[in-house]
Amino acid sequence: MERIGVFLCHCSLLGPIDIQRVLGAISEKPGVIYAAPHQDMCTDPGLALVKNTIKGENLDGVVLTTCSPSLHGDIFRTVLTSVGLASHQLEIADLRGQDGMEETTEQAIEVIIRAVERLRTSLPTITSKVPITKRALVIGGGIAGIQAALDIADGGYEVVLVERTPSIGGHMIQLSKTFPTLDCPQCIMTPKMVEIGQHPNVKLLAYSEVEEVSGKAGNFRVKIKRKASFIDRDKCTGCEECIKLCPVEIYSDFQRGVAPQRAIYKPFPQAVPNKVVIDPRGCLHFNGDRCRACEEVCPAQAIDFLQEEVFVEEEVGAIVVATGYELLPKGEIREFEEDPDIIDGLQFERILCPSGPTDGVALRPSDGKVAKEVVFISCVGSRDPEHGLPYCSRVCCMYSVKMAMLYKHAVHDGQAYIFYMDIRVTGKGYEEFVTRAVEENGVLYLRGRVSKVFRDGDKIKVWGLDTLTGKRVEISCDLVVLAMAMIARPEAKDLARKLGIATDEYGFMAEIHPKLRPLESAVPGIYLAGTAQGPKDIPDTVAQASGAASKVLALFSKDELILEKVAAS
């Protein structure tokens, strides 16, 4: 290309760059016949300038500087196409450097010169049209995955929903109530879960994991591992007769250790699919014993101790990642001892749940006595650079006050304390909810950091500092509930690697632009939903899931995708 125009946008500049010096240096380069600045290149006047200059100067190549190549690139390519140029005849020079750092004048000249050289040596592209596979893959069966899957399925397209655990439902189904309305999660989630299980456009693959992903937007090929449950899924009726006779108790992920489960188990009564699973780590049969009690009692003859994992392949046109979150392990916080009466928020949710292991009675895990004083500690790990988590987990303020309120409903003469840094409650009805907890339920807020939590006889001692009064605080209580930081799931980075998408410094799936493209990964056709992308509450999660589904539906509204390839010279 020998007739190149360079357009320097003022909005793309962060530092004190000498624009005239830059233009002078660029104009001396071979092939550059036009170089000019503009205040806002992406506005109508700026785009008109590009169009008119291409026509007037008979340009065969364009170099543009822009504040956001990922956002504005398509706009400028469309402008070039409208005046007869191809997309390979455009180069965008990013003057904002790595991580948005300021560029010097010399660096700006160097960046633009490199763009000019790339343009001069670029090869022509050829376009081809490929059909779109109008099926979607949703990874994760929590509320985000469920909402996205239902929206896409209701739009008339088949969805493959992959969930790594034996049942969909995610963390939401573990909650006792939801703020600020105190709705029963099981009551509002179960209909959606059942709809997933019954929807003609949804193919549910529970107890499964994504192994490999290849292809591009519109045509992905996905290899999925279906883990061995040692149960014939077609035969099992979920009657639970096998569970009654199992002699082994093991840790329950669903109950968060507050109560055990059997080695053959159903995660919870409303599980979808309504099937049991055998955990070989606890099953006596898989550990040298001759026990086959479950097999002997199963009326459907569904037990299959020889079952092995299998792999299936699915072709899809779009992928929604909704892998959810986990809580920071309590052991990461050195100031707090390991103690059965120092628990995290999800453990207390199970205790408070009317259908939970204690029937909603606030009992201490250590001895089963009613907890008369409970201390809630906010921001445990969150907003804490020392533990590598400087971000706010967003929901801790609300779920702490929710649990304090529910505790007071269960133990009327009990006392609830909340240690907090500051209160961040910005959702609809959230501020009023906090006011109700204080004025109607007597929840006592203490502003300050907790320095130590430890066992003192049959009590738990909490040491802290009230930063409003400057006085030290010491509370002897029966139970301590920690609002642990929300973190990305441990396996999220490995999944991101398989998908070819990025994660941020904390392990959450990275969006292409935090404000204007928060639902999209850097890989076209792969979208993000819920807490896989970062901490958020249920309303925001549902909204983002529906937004991701709308992106999929928009993609599926086309019959073909236009692909560009570089032609060999």
Foldseek 3Di string as FASTA:
>chain_A
DQAEAEEEEPQLADDDADQVVLQVLVCPDGRYPYYDYDHHLQDPVNLVVVLVCCVVSVGQAYEYEDNACVPCVVVNQVSQVVNPYHSLRYFYFRQLPPPRNGDYNVRSSVSRVVRVVCNVPAFDKDKDKDFFFQEEEEEAQALLSLLLQVLLVVVPAAYEYEAQAQFGHPLLQLFQAAPDVRHGSCVVVLVSRVCLLPRPRYHYQYNKDWDFWDDAARKIKTKMKRFDQQFQVVQFPLPCPLQVPAPWWDCQPSLPRLGTGGQWADNDCSGVVSGIGGNLVTHVVNVPDPDPSSCVRDPSNGGGPPDGMDMDMDIHNFYEYEHFWDFDDPVLQPQEDDDQQEEALSNLRLCQHCPHPPNRACARSVPRHGWQEEEEEEQAVDCDVVSPHNHDLACRLQSLLVSLQSNCVNVVNGAYEYEDQDHDQDDVCRVVSSVCSCPVRVHHYAYWDWRHWADDPQWIWTWIARPVVRDIDIDTTNHYYYHTHIAADPCLVVVCVSVVFDAPPRSATDFSDVPPTVQHTPGPRYGYADCSRHRDGDVRRSVSSSVNSVSSVVSVVDRIDMDMDRDDD
